[in-house]
PDB file of N, CA and C in Angstrom:
ATOM      1  N   MET A   1      93.146 113.812  88.955  1.00  0.00           N
ATOM      2  CA  MET A   1      91.889 114.277  88.387  1.00  0.00           C
ATOM      3  C   MET A   1      90.900 114.464  89.526  1.00  0.00           C
ATOM      4  N   ASP A   2      90.247 115.612  89.605  1.00  0.00           N
ATOM      5  CA  ASP A   2      89.303 115.812  90.689  1.00  0.00           C
ATOM      6  C   ASP A   2      87.884 115.476  90.250  1.00  0.00           C
ATOM      7  N   GLY A   3      86.970 115.471  91.220  1.00  0.00           N
ATOM      8  CA  GLY A   3      85.592 115.080  90.956  1.00  0.00           C
ATOM      9  C   GLY A   3      84.904 115.925  89.912  1.00  0.00           C
ATOM     10  N   ASP A   4      85.197 117.246  89.859  1.00  0.00           N
ATOM     11  CA  ASP A   4      84.548 118.102  88.876  1.00  0.00           C
ATOM     12  C   ASP A   4      84.891 117.684  87.451  1.00  0.00           C
ATOM     13  N   ALA A   5      86.117 117.250  87.232  1.00  0.00           N
ATOM     14  CA  ALA A   5      86.528 116.827  85.898  1.00  0.00           C
ATOM     15  C   ALA A   5      85.839 115.533  85.479  1.00  0.00           C
ATOM     16  N   ASN A   6      85.374 114.766  86.457  1.00  0.00           N
ATOM     17  CA  ASN A   6      84.737 113.482  86.170  1.00  0.00           C
ATOM     18  C   ASN A   6      83.263 113.609  85.814  1.00  0.00           C
ATOM     19  N   LYS A   7      82.633 114.748  86.038  1.00  0.00           N
ATOM     20  CA  LYS A   7      81.185 114.855  85.915  1.00  0.00           C
ATOM     21  C   LYS A   7      80.663 114.565  84.520  1.00  0.00           C
ATOM     22  N   SER A   8      81.495 114.660  83.508  1.00  0.00           N
ATOM     23  CA  SER A   8      81.026 114.380  82.154  1.00  0.00           C
ATOM     24  C   SER A   8      81.164 112.902  81.788  1.00  0.00           C
ATOM     25  N   ILE A   9      81.803 112.117  82.648  1.00  0.00           N
ATOM     26  CA  ILE A   9      81.986 110.694  82.368  1.00  0.00           C
ATOM     27  C   ILE A   9      80.775 109.935  82.897  1.00  0.00           C
ATOM     28  N   ARG A  10      80.065 109.302  82.003  1.00  0.00           N
ATOM     29  CA  ARG A  10      78.855 108.573  82.368  1.00  0.00           C
ATOM     30  C   ARG A  10      79.135 107.080  82.338  1.00  0.00           C
ATOM     31  N   VAL A  11      78.294 106.351  83.030  1.00  0.00           N
ATOM     32  CA  VAL A  11      78.358 104.895  82.996  1.00  0.00           C
ATOM     33  C   VAL A  11      77.037 104.399  82.425  1.00  0.00           C
ATOM     34  N   PRO A  12      77.020 103.200  81.864  1.00  0.00           N
ATOM     35  CA  PRO A  12      75.769 102.684  81.305  1.00  0.00           C
ATOM     36  C   PRO A  12      74.669 102.587  82.369  1.00  0.00           C
ATOM     37  N   ALA A  13      73.456 102.901  81.975  1.00  0.00           N
ATOM     38  CA  ALA A  13      72.317 102.793  82.895  1.00  0.00           C
ATOM     39  C   ALA A  13      72.264 101.386  83.481  1.00  0.00           C
ATOM     40  N   GLY A  14      71.965 101.303  84.764  1.00  0.00           N
ATOM     41  CA  GLY A  14      71.871 100.007  85.422  1.00  0.00           C
ATOM     42  C   GLY A  14      73.195  99.490  85.963  1.00  0.00           C
ATOM     43  N   SER A  15      74.240 100.319  85.922  1.00  0.00           N
ATOM     44  CA  SER A  15      75.538  99.903  86.465  1.00  0.00           C
ATOM     45  C   SER A  15      75.500  99.913  87.988  1.00  0.00           C
ATOM     46  N   ASN A  16      76.369  99.100  88.591  1.00  0.00           N
ATOM     47  CA  ASN A  16      76.427  98.970  90.047  1.00  0.00           C
ATOM     48  C   ASN A  16      77.846  99.176  90.546  1.00  0.00           C
ATOM     49  N   LEU A  17      77.959  99.774  91.735  1.00  0.00           N
ATOM     50  CA  LEU A  17      79.228  99.967  92.418  1.00  0.00           C
ATOM     51  C   LEU A  17      79.258  99.086  93.651  1.00  0.00           C
ATOM     52  N   ILE A  18      80.343  98.342  93.836  1.00  0.00           N
ATOM     53  CA  ILE A  18      80.562  97.591  95.069  1.00  0.00           C
ATOM     54  C   ILE A  18      81.880  98.061  95.655  1.00  0.00           C
ATOM     55  N   VAL A  19      81.830  98.554  96.900  1.00  0.00           N
ATOM     56  CA  VAL A  19      83.024  98.941  97.647  1.00  0.00           C
ATOM     57  C   VAL A  19      83.178  97.928  98.766  1.00  0.00           C
ATOM     58  N   ARG A  20      84.384  97.359  98.872  1.00  0.00           N
ATOM     59  CA  ARG A  20      84.665  96.343  99.888  1.00  0.00           C
ATOM     60  C   ARG A  20      85.712  96.836 100.868  1.00  0.00           C
ATOM     61  N   PHE A  21      85.467  96.593 102.162  1.00  0.00           N
ATOM     62  CA  PHE A  21      86.454  96.788 103.221  1.00  0.00           C
ATOM     63  C   PHE A  21      87.015  95.407 103.496  1.00  0.00           C
ATOM     64  N   GLN A  22      88.347  95.259 103.390  1.00  0.00           N
ATOM     65  CA  GLN A  22      88.921  93.912 103.463  1.00  0.00           C
ATOM     66  C   GLN A  22      90.213  93.882 104.269  1.00  0.00           C
ATOM     67  N   ASP A  23      90.472  92.717 104.849  1.00  0.00           N
ATOM     68  CA  ASP A  23      91.717  92.435 105.555  1.00  0.00           C
ATOM     69  C   ASP A  23      92.721  91.967 104.505  1.00  0.00           C
ATOM     70  N   THR A  24      93.805  92.720 104.368  1.00  0.00           N
ATOM     71  CA  THR A  24      94.840  92.376 103.390  1.00  0.00           C
ATOM     72  C   THR A  24      96.179  92.153 104.088  1.00  0.00           C
ATOM     73  N   SER A  25      96.121  91.524 105.255  1.00  0.00           N
ATOM     74  CA  SER A  25      97.323  91.307 106.066  1.00  0.00           C
ATOM     75  C   SER A  25      98.251  90.245 105.499  1.00  0.00           C
ATOM     76  N   LEU A  26      97.713  89.242 104.830  1.00  0.00           N
ATOM     77  CA  LEU A  26      98.542  88.169 104.289  1.00  0.00           C
ATOM     78  C   LEU A  26      99.139  88.603 102.957  1.00  0.00           C
ATOM     79  N   ALA A  27     100.456  88.773 102.933  1.00  0.00           N
ATOM     80  CA  ALA A  27     101.126  89.309 101.747  1.00  0.00           C
ATOM     81  C   ALA A  27     100.865  88.496 100.484  1.00  0.00           C
ATOM     82  N   ASP A  28     100.902  87.194 100.578  1.00  0.00           N
ATOM     83  CA  ASP A  28     100.691  86.348  99.399  1.00  0.00           C
ATOM     84  C   ASP A  28      99.336  85.652  99.419  1.00  0.00           C
ATOM     85  N   GLY A  29      98.460  86.082 100.308  1.00  0.00           N
ATOM     86  CA  GLY A  29      97.152  85.450 100.421  1.00  0.00           C
ATOM     87  C   GLY A  29      96.055  86.346  99.885  1.00  0.00           C
ATOM     88  N   PRO A  30      94.885  85.787  99.738  1.00  0.00           N
ATOM     89  CA  PRO A  30      93.759  86.573  99.230  1.00  0.00           C
ATOM     90  C   PRO A  30      93.245  87.554 100.276  1.00  0.00           C
ATOM     91  N   ALA A  31      92.642  88.639  99.819  1.00  0.00           N
ATOM     92  CA  ALA A  31      91.989  89.581 100.718  1.00  0.00           C
ATOM     93  C   ALA A  31      90.769  88.896 101.332  1.00  0.00           C
ATOM     94  N   ILE A  32      90.501  89.199 102.586  1.00  0.00           N
ATOM     95  CA  ILE A  32      89.332  88.650 103.277  1.00  0.00           C
ATOM     96  C   ILE A  32      88.321  89.777 103.428  1.00  0.00           C
ATOM     97  N   GLU A  33      87.183  89.631 102.776  1.00  0.00           N
ATOM     98  CA  GLU A  33      86.155  90.665 102.840  1.00  0.00           C
ATOM     99  C   GLU A  33      85.545  90.699 104.232  1.00  0.00           C
ATOM    100  N   ILE A  34      85.488  91.894 104.805  1.00  0.00           N
ATOM    101  CA  ILE A  34      84.874  92.081 106.121  1.00  0.00           C
ATOM    102  C   ILE A  34      83.497  92.713 105.974  1.00  0.00           C
ATOM    103  N   ARG A  35      83.399  93.685 105.085  1.00  0.00           N
ATOM    104  CA  ARG A  35      82.134  94.384 104.884  1.00  0.00           C
ATOM    105  C   ARG A  35      82.106  94.917 103.461  1.00  0.00           C
ATOM    106  N   GLN A  36      80.911  95.095 102.908  1.00  0.00           N
ATOM    107  CA  GLN A  36      80.761  95.700 101.589  1.00  0.00           C
ATOM    108  C   GLN A  36      79.517  96.559 101.545  1.00  0.00           C
ATOM    109  N   THR A  37      79.518  97.479 100.604  1.00  0.00           N
ATOM    110  CA  THR A  37      78.340  98.283 100.339  1.00  0.00           C
ATOM    111  C   THR A  37      78.127  98.300  98.825  1.00  0.00           C
ATOM    112  N   LYS A  38      76.875  98.330  98.416  1.00  0.00           N
ATOM    113  CA  LYS A  38      76.547  98.315  96.999  1.00  0.00           C
ATOM    114  C   LYS A  38      75.622  99.482  96.684  1.00  0.00           C
ATOM    115  N   ILE A  39      75.914 100.157  95.575  1.00  0.00           N
ATOM    116  CA  ILE A  39      75.068 101.238  95.091  1.00  0.00           C
ATOM    117  C   ILE A  39      74.640 100.875  93.680  1.00  0.00           C
ATOM    118  N   SER A  40      73.351 100.910  93.445  1.00  0.00           N
ATOM    119  CA  SER A  40      72.791 100.511  92.151  1.00  0.00           C
ATOM    120  C   SER A  40      72.368 101.720  91.340  1.00  0.00           C
ATOM    121  N   ASP A  41      72.157 101.483  90.064  1.00  0.00           N
ATOM    122  CA  ASP A  41      71.635 102.488  89.135  1.00  0.00           C
ATOM    123  C   ASP A  41      72.495 103.740  89.073  1.00  0.00           C
ATOM    124  N   LEU A  42      73.791 103.560  88.859  1.00  0.00           N
ATOM    125  CA  LEU A  42      74.715 104.678  88.731  1.00  0.00           C
ATOM    126  C   LEU A  42      74.446 105.438  87.435  1.00  0.00           C
ATOM    127  N   VAL A  43      74.843 106.712  87.408  1.00  0.00           N
ATOM    128  CA  VAL A  43      74.632 107.520  86.214  1.00  0.00           C
ATOM    129  C   VAL A  43      75.955 108.102  85.715  1.00  0.00           C
ATOM    130  N   ALA A  44      76.610 108.942  86.532  1.00  0.00           N
ATOM    131  CA  ALA A  44      77.855 109.600  86.117  1.00  0.00           C
ATOM    132  C   ALA A  44      78.745 109.836  87.329  1.00  0.00           C
ATOM    133  N   PHE A  45      80.051 109.929  87.094  1.00  0.00           N
ATOM    134  CA  PHE A  45      81.007 110.200  88.163  1.00  0.00           C
ATOM    135  C   PHE A  45      80.829 111.616  88.677  1.00  0.00           C
ATOM    136  N   PRO A  46      81.170 111.886  89.938  1.00  0.00           N
ATOM    137  CA  PRO A  46      81.621 110.966  90.988  1.00  0.00           C
ATOM    138  C   PRO A  46      80.430 110.304  91.672  1.00  0.00           C
ATOM    139  N   PHE A  47      80.695 109.207  92.395  1.00  0.00           N
ATOM    140  CA  PHE A  47      79.678 108.492  93.157  1.00  0.00           C
ATOM    141  C   PHE A  47      80.000 108.638  94.631  1.00  0.00           C
ATOM    142  N   ASN A  48      79.010 108.927  95.429  1.00  0.00           N
ATOM    143  CA  ASN A  48      79.196 109.000  96.872  1.00  0.00           C
ATOM    144  C   ASN A  48      78.846 107.653  97.480  1.00  0.00           C
ATOM    145  N   TYR A  49      79.660 107.228  98.435  1.00  0.00           N
ATOM    146  CA  TYR A  49      79.411 105.968  99.129  1.00  0.00           C
ATOM    147  C   TYR A  49      79.833 106.131 100.581  1.00  0.00           C
ATOM    148  N   GLN A  50      79.359 105.242 101.419  1.00  0.00           N
ATOM    149  CA  GLN A  50      79.807 105.127 102.805  1.00  0.00           C
ATOM    150  C   GLN A  50      79.889 103.652 103.126  1.00  0.00           C
ATOM    151  N   ILE A  51      80.886 103.285 103.932  1.00  0.00           N
ATOM    152  CA  ILE A  51      80.988 101.897 104.377  1.00  0.00           C
ATOM    153  C   ILE A  51      81.345 101.905 105.853  1.00  0.00           C
ATOM    154  N   GLU A  52      80.571 101.174 106.630  1.00  0.00           N
ATOM    155  CA  GLU A  52      80.787 101.097 108.075  1.00  0.00           C
ATOM    156  C   GLU A  52      81.969 100.189 108.375  1.00  0.00           C
ATOM    157  N   ILE A  53      82.837 100.626 109.273  1.00  0.00           N
ATOM    158  CA  ILE A  53      83.992  99.849 109.692  1.00  0.00           C
ATOM    159  C   ILE A  53      83.683  99.273 111.076  1.00  0.00           C
ATOM    160  N   PRO A  54      83.755  97.960 111.231  1.00  0.00           N
ATOM    161  CA  PRO A  54      83.468  97.355 112.533  1.00  0.00           C
ATOM    162  C   PRO A  54      84.421  97.874 113.608  1.00  0.00           C
ATOM    163  N   GLY A  55      83.919  98.050 114.819  1.00  0.00           N
ATOM    164  CA  GLY A  55      84.739  98.551 115.910  1.00  0.00           C
ATOM    165  C   GLY A  55      85.570  97.483 116.596  1.00  0.00           C
ATOM    166  N   ASP A  56      85.327  96.225 116.271  1.00  0.00           N
ATOM    167  CA  ASP A  56      86.000  95.133 116.982  1.00  0.00           C
ATOM    168  C   ASP A  56      87.107  94.458 116.166  1.00  0.00           C
ATOM    169  N   ILE A  57      87.707  95.173 115.201  1.00  0.00           N
ATOM    170  CA  ILE A  57      88.765  94.574 114.402  1.00  0.00           C
ATOM    171  C   ILE A  57      90.135  94.921 114.998  1.00  0.00           C
ATOM    172  N   SER A  58      91.114  94.111 114.692  1.00  0.00           N
ATOM    173  CA  SER A  58      92.448  94.261 115.267  1.00  0.00           C
ATOM    174  C   SER A  58      93.250  95.365 114.579  1.00  0.00           C
ATOM    175  N   PRO A  59      93.809  96.305 115.353  1.00  0.00           N
ATOM    176  CA  PRO A  59      94.653  97.341 114.755  1.00  0.00           C
ATOM    177  C   PRO A  59      96.009  96.800 114.292  1.00  0.00           C
ATOM    178  N   ALA A  60      96.318  95.554 114.611  1.00  0.00           N
ATOM    179  CA  ALA A  60      97.589  94.950 114.204  1.00  0.00           C
ATOM    180  C   ALA A  60      97.555  94.454 112.757  1.00  0.00           C
ATOM    181  N   LEU A  61      96.387  94.410 112.143  1.00  0.00           N
ATOM    182  CA  LEU A  61      96.253  93.904 110.778  1.00  0.00           C
ATOM    183  C   LEU A  61      96.181  95.059 109.777  1.00  0.00           C
ATOM    184  N   SER A  62      96.297  94.737 108.497  1.00  0.00           N
ATOM    185  CA  SER A  62      96.225  95.743 107.424  1.00  0.00           C
ATOM    186  C   SER A  62      94.866  95.646 106.734  1.00  0.00           C
ATOM    187  N   TYR A  63      94.266  96.809 106.492  1.00  0.00           N
ATOM    188  CA  TYR A  63      92.949  96.868 105.873  1.00  0.00           C
ATOM    189  C   TYR A  63      92.972  97.801 104.672  1.00  0.00           C
ATOM    190  N   THR A  64      92.194  97.458 103.646  1.00  0.00           N
ATOM    191  CA  THR A  64      92.107  98.272 102.436  1.00  0.00           C
ATOM    192  C   THR A  64      90.672  98.347 101.942  1.00  0.00           C
ATOM    193  N   LEU A  65      90.445  99.273 101.024  1.00  0.00           N
ATOM    194  CA  LEU A  65      89.173  99.377 100.310  1.00  0.00           C
ATOM    195  C   LEU A  65      89.412  98.987  98.859  1.00  0.00           C
ATOM    196  N   SER A  66      88.423  98.357  98.253  1.00  0.00           N
ATOM    197  CA  SER A  66      88.472  98.092  96.820  1.00  0.00           C
ATOM    198  C   SER A  66      87.123  98.476  96.222  1.00  0.00           C
ATOM    199  N   ALA A  67      87.143  98.817  94.939  1.00  0.00           N
ATOM    200  CA  ALA A  67      85.914  99.231  94.260  1.00  0.00           C
ATOM    201  C   ALA A  67      85.830  98.578  92.887  1.00  0.00           C
ATOM    202  N   ARG A  68      84.610  98.200  92.522  1.00  0.00           N
ATOM    203  CA  ARG A  68      84.318  97.622  91.205  1.00  0.00           C
ATOM    204  C   ARG A  68      83.012  98.223  90.714  1.00  0.00           C
ATOM    205  N   ILE A  69      82.982  98.606  89.451  1.00  0.00           N
ATOM    206  CA  ILE A  69      81.750  99.062  88.822  1.00  0.00           C
ATOM    207  C   ILE A  69      81.445  98.079  87.709  1.00  0.00           C
ATOM    208  N   THR A  70      80.246  97.524  87.754  1.00  0.00           N
ATOM    209  CA  THR A  70      79.846  96.512  86.786  1.00  0.00           C
ATOM    210  C   THR A  70      78.496  96.864  86.159  1.00  0.00           C
ATOM    211  N   LYS A  71      78.283  96.301  85.009  1.00  0.00           N
ATOM    212  CA  LYS A  71      76.971  96.330  84.345  1.00  0.00           C
ATOM    213  C   LYS A  71      76.642  94.876  84.078  1.00  0.00           C
ATOM    214  N   GLY A  72      75.728  94.316  84.864  1.00  0.00           N
ATOM    215  CA  GLY A  72      75.476  92.883  84.797  1.00  0.00           C
ATOM    216  C   GLY A  72      76.726  92.148  85.237  1.00  0.00           C
ATOM    217  N   GLU A  73      77.215  91.253  84.415  1.00  0.00           N
ATOM    218  CA  GLU A  73      78.443  90.502  84.714  1.00  0.00           C
ATOM    219  C   GLU A  73      79.695  91.156  84.126  1.00  0.00           C
ATOM    220  N   THR A  74      79.526  92.289  83.423  1.00  0.00           N
ATOM    221  CA  THR A  74      80.650  92.937  82.760  1.00  0.00           C
ATOM    222  C   THR A  74      81.316  93.957  83.684  1.00  0.00           C
ATOM    223  N   LEU A  75      82.621  93.799  83.890  1.00  0.00           N
ATOM    224  CA  LEU A  75      83.398  94.740  84.682  1.00  0.00           C
ATOM    225  C   LEU A  75      83.701  95.968  83.830  1.00  0.00           C
ATOM    226  N   LEU A  76      83.366  97.174  84.362  1.00  0.00           N
ATOM    227  CA  LEU A  76      83.606  98.424  83.644  1.00  0.00           C
ATOM    228  C   LEU A  76      84.793  99.203  84.215  1.00  0.00           C
ATOM    229  N   PHE A  77      84.843  99.341  85.546  1.00  0.00           N
ATOM    230  CA  PHE A  77      85.891 100.084  86.237  1.00  0.00           C
ATOM    231  C   PHE A  77      86.335  99.297  87.458  1.00  0.00           C
ATOM    232  N   ILE A  78      87.606  99.473  87.834  1.00  0.00           N
ATOM    233  CA  ILE A  78      88.156  98.831  89.028  1.00  0.00           C
ATOM    234  C   ILE A  78      89.285  99.707  89.562  1.00  0.00           C
ATOM    235  N   ASN A  79      89.515  99.650  90.880  1.00  0.00           N
ATOM    236  CA  ASN A  79      90.675 100.384  91.399  1.00  0.00           C
ATOM    237  C   ASN A  79      91.912  99.519  91.228  1.00  0.00           C
ATOM    238  N   ASP A  80      93.036 100.180  90.912  1.00  0.00           N
ATOM    239  CA  ASP A  80      94.291  99.449  90.722  1.00  0.00           C
ATOM    240  C   ASP A  80      95.370  99.927  91.688  1.00  0.00           C
ATOM    241  N   GLN A  81      94.964 100.689  92.705  1.00  0.00           N
ATOM    242  CA  GLN A  81      95.873 101.167  93.738  1.00  0.00           C
ATOM    243  C   GLN A  81      95.386 100.675  95.087  1.00  0.00           C
ATOM    244  N   GLN A  82      96.322 100.455  96.005  1.00  0.00           N
ATOM    245  CA  GLN A  82      95.944 100.058  97.355  1.00  0.00           C
ATOM    246  C   GLN A  82      95.422 101.281  98.099  1.00  0.00           C
ATOM    247  N   ILE A  83      94.230 101.178  98.646  1.00  0.00           N
ATOM    248  CA  ILE A  83      93.608 102.254  99.413  1.00  0.00           C
ATOM    249  C   ILE A  83      93.570 101.800 100.868  1.00  0.00           C
ATOM    250  N   SER A  84      94.568 102.209 101.653  1.00  0.00           N
ATOM    251  CA  SER A  84      94.692 101.773 103.043  1.00  0.00           C
ATOM    252  C   SER A  84      93.653 102.448 103.925  1.00  0.00           C
ATOM    253  N   VAL A  85      93.215 101.711 104.944  1.00  0.00           N
ATOM    254  CA  VAL A  85      92.272 102.219 105.931  1.00  0.00           C
ATOM    255  C   VAL A  85      92.909 102.053 107.299  1.00  0.00           C
ATOM    256  N   THR A  86      92.952 103.124 108.071  1.00  0.00           N
ATOM    257  CA  THR A  86      93.489 103.075 109.421  1.00  0.00           C
ATOM    258  C   THR A  86      92.386 102.684 110.387  1.00  0.00           C
ATOM    259  N   VAL A  87      92.628 101.622 111.148  1.00  0.00           N
ATOM    260  CA  VAL A  87      91.653 101.192 112.150  1.00  0.00           C
ATOM    261  C   VAL A  87      91.584 102.257 113.227  1.00  0.00           C
ATOM    262  N   GLY A  88      90.385 102.559 113.662  1.00  0.00           N
ATOM    263  CA  GLY A  88      90.190 103.606 114.644  1.00  0.00           C
ATOM    264  C   GLY A  88      89.820 104.925 113.991  1.00  0.00           C
ATOM    265  N   ALA A  89      89.868 104.966 112.665  1.00  0.00           N
ATOM    266  CA  ALA A  89      89.451 106.167 111.938  1.00  0.00           C
ATOM    267  C   ALA A  89      87.934 106.301 112.048  1.00  0.00           C
ATOM    268  N   ASP A  90      87.450 107.458 111.686  1.00  0.00           N
ATOM    269  CA  ASP A  90      86.012 107.677 111.731  1.00  0.00           C
ATOM    270  C   ASP A  90      85.286 106.652 110.880  1.00  0.00           C
ATOM    271  N   SER A  91      84.126 106.260 111.342  1.00  0.00           N
ATOM    272  CA  SER A  91      83.274 105.363 110.578  1.00  0.00           C
ATOM    273  C   SER A  91      81.919 106.048 110.457  1.00  0.00           C
ATOM    274  N   PRO A  92      81.290 106.069 109.332  1.00  0.00           N
ATOM    275  CA  PRO A  92      81.636 105.350 108.111  1.00  0.00           C
ATOM    276  C   PRO A  92      82.778 106.019 107.357  1.00  0.00           C
ATOM    277  N   ILE A  93      83.431 105.221 106.518  1.00  0.00           N
ATOM    278  CA  ILE A  93      84.536 105.676 105.692  1.00  0.00           C
ATOM    279  C   ILE A  93      83.990 106.220 104.374  1.00  0.00           C
ATOM    280  N   THR A  94      84.592 107.297 103.890  1.00  0.00           N
ATOM    281  CA  THR A  94      84.221 107.878 102.591  1.00  0.00           C
ATOM    282  C   THR A  94      85.476 108.323 101.839  1.00  0.00           C
ATOM    283  N   LYS A  95      86.519 107.527 101.838  1.00  0.00           N
ATOM    284  CA  LYS A  95      87.782 107.881 101.180  1.00  0.00           C
ATOM    285  C   LYS A  95      87.633 107.909  99.663  1.00  0.00           C
ATOM    286  N   ASP A  96      88.432 108.781  99.031  1.00  0.00           N
ATOM    287  CA  ASP A  96      88.486 108.789  97.569  1.00  0.00           C
ATOM    288  C   ASP A  96      89.108 107.483  97.084  1.00  0.00           C
ATOM    289  N   ILE A  97      88.514 106.898  96.074  1.00  0.00           N
ATOM    290  CA  ILE A  97      89.048 105.668  95.474  1.00  0.00           C
ATOM    291  C   ILE A  97      89.190 105.910  93.975  1.00  0.00           C
ATOM    292  N   PRO A  98      90.429 106.054  93.485  1.00  0.00           N
ATOM    293  CA  PRO A  98      90.592 106.200  92.034  1.00  0.00           C
ATOM    294  C   PRO A  98      90.312 104.869  91.334  1.00  0.00           C
ATOM    295  N   VAL A  99      89.595 104.929  90.230  1.00  0.00           N
ATOM    296  CA  VAL A  99      89.301 103.727  89.456  1.00  0.00           C
ATOM    297  C   VAL A  99      89.743 103.943  88.017  1.00  0.00           C
ATOM    298  N   ILE A 100      90.024 102.850  87.346  1.00  0.00           N
ATOM    299  CA  ILE A 100      90.391 102.908  85.933  1.00  0.00           C
ATOM    300  C   ILE A 100      89.357 102.127  85.125  1.00  0.00           C
ATOM    301  N   SER A 101      89.171 102.567  83.916  1.00  0.00           N
ATOM    302  CA  SER A 101      88.256 101.892  83.008  1.00  0.00           C
ATOM    303  C   SER A 101      88.909 100.613  82.493  1.00  0.00           C
ATOM    304  N   VAL A 102      88.146  99.561  82.472  1.00  0.00           N
ATOM    305  CA  VAL A 102      88.640  98.300  81.937  1.00  0.00           C
ATOM    306  C   VAL A 102      88.568  98.313  80.416  1.00  0.00           C
ATOM    307  N   ASN A 103      87.593  99.022  79.853  1.00  0.00           N
ATOM    308  CA  ASN A 103      87.361  98.969  78.407  1.00  0.00           C
ATOM    309  C   ASN A 103      87.613 100.282  77.675  1.00  0.00           C
ATOM    310  N   GLN A 104      87.529 101.440  78.363  1.00  0.00           N
ATOM    311  CA  GLN A 104      87.514 102.696  77.633  1.00  0.00           C
ATOM    312  C   GLN A 104      88.737 103.572  77.854  1.00  0.00           C
ATOM    313  N   GLY A 105      89.676 103.209  78.726  1.00  0.00           N
ATOM    314  CA  GLY A 105      90.859 104.002  78.963  1.00  0.00           C
ATOM    315  C   GLY A 105      90.627 105.277  79.742  1.00  0.00           C
ATOM    316  N   LEU A 106      89.574 105.345  80.579  1.00  0.00           N
ATOM    317  CA  LEU A 106      89.265 106.530  81.373  1.00  0.00           C
ATOM    318  C   LEU A 106      89.640 106.295  82.832  1.00  0.00           C
ATOM    319  N   ASP A 107      90.216 107.294  83.493  1.00  0.00           N
ATOM    320  CA  ASP A 107      90.504 107.217  84.914  1.00  0.00           C
ATOM    321  C   ASP A 107      89.569 108.178  85.637  1.00  0.00           C
ATOM    322  N   CYS A 108      88.985 107.724  86.767  1.00  0.00           N
ATOM    323  CA  CYS A 108      87.997 108.523  87.491  1.00  0.00           C
ATOM    324  C   CYS A 108      88.168 108.311  88.984  1.00  0.00           C
ATOM    325  N   PHE A 109      87.451 109.123  89.782  1.00  0.00           N
ATOM    326  CA  PHE A 109      87.458 108.997  91.226  1.00  0.00           C
ATOM    327  C   PHE A 109      86.047 108.796  91.754  1.00  0.00           C
ATOM    328  N   LEU A 110      85.952 107.963  92.799  1.00  0.00           N
ATOM    329  CA  LEU A 110      84.708 107.852  93.560  1.00  0.00           C
ATOM    330  C   LEU A 110      84.833 108.808  94.728  1.00  0.00           C
ATOM    331  N   PHE A 111      83.775 109.426  95.138  1.00  0.00           N
ATOM    332  CA  PHE A 111      83.792 110.311  96.302  1.00  0.00           C
ATOM    333  C   PHE A 111      82.735 109.884  97.267  1.00  0.00           C
TER     334      PHE A 111
END
């Protein structure tokens, strides 16, 4: 699904997006958050975001992006696919992150 198809999908007023850049090198361990960005007062898909990638991280480790859209404490959308980030890539990162609806059965993309 591309961004144009998402333009009619709205989120509740006051929703927030959090995109996290994380170290996911430990196969059975938790992700370690390195950096995050938050966008408030979302309206409708797609959402543009940027997240700065530190220049001093090890290229030997594995890094991913994750996204969550919430309204207060209620989770609305989350990504369910691994979004890999190559160290040494341009920063800030603006990769597409597909998200799925937790409550409504809608799939969308962040841009």
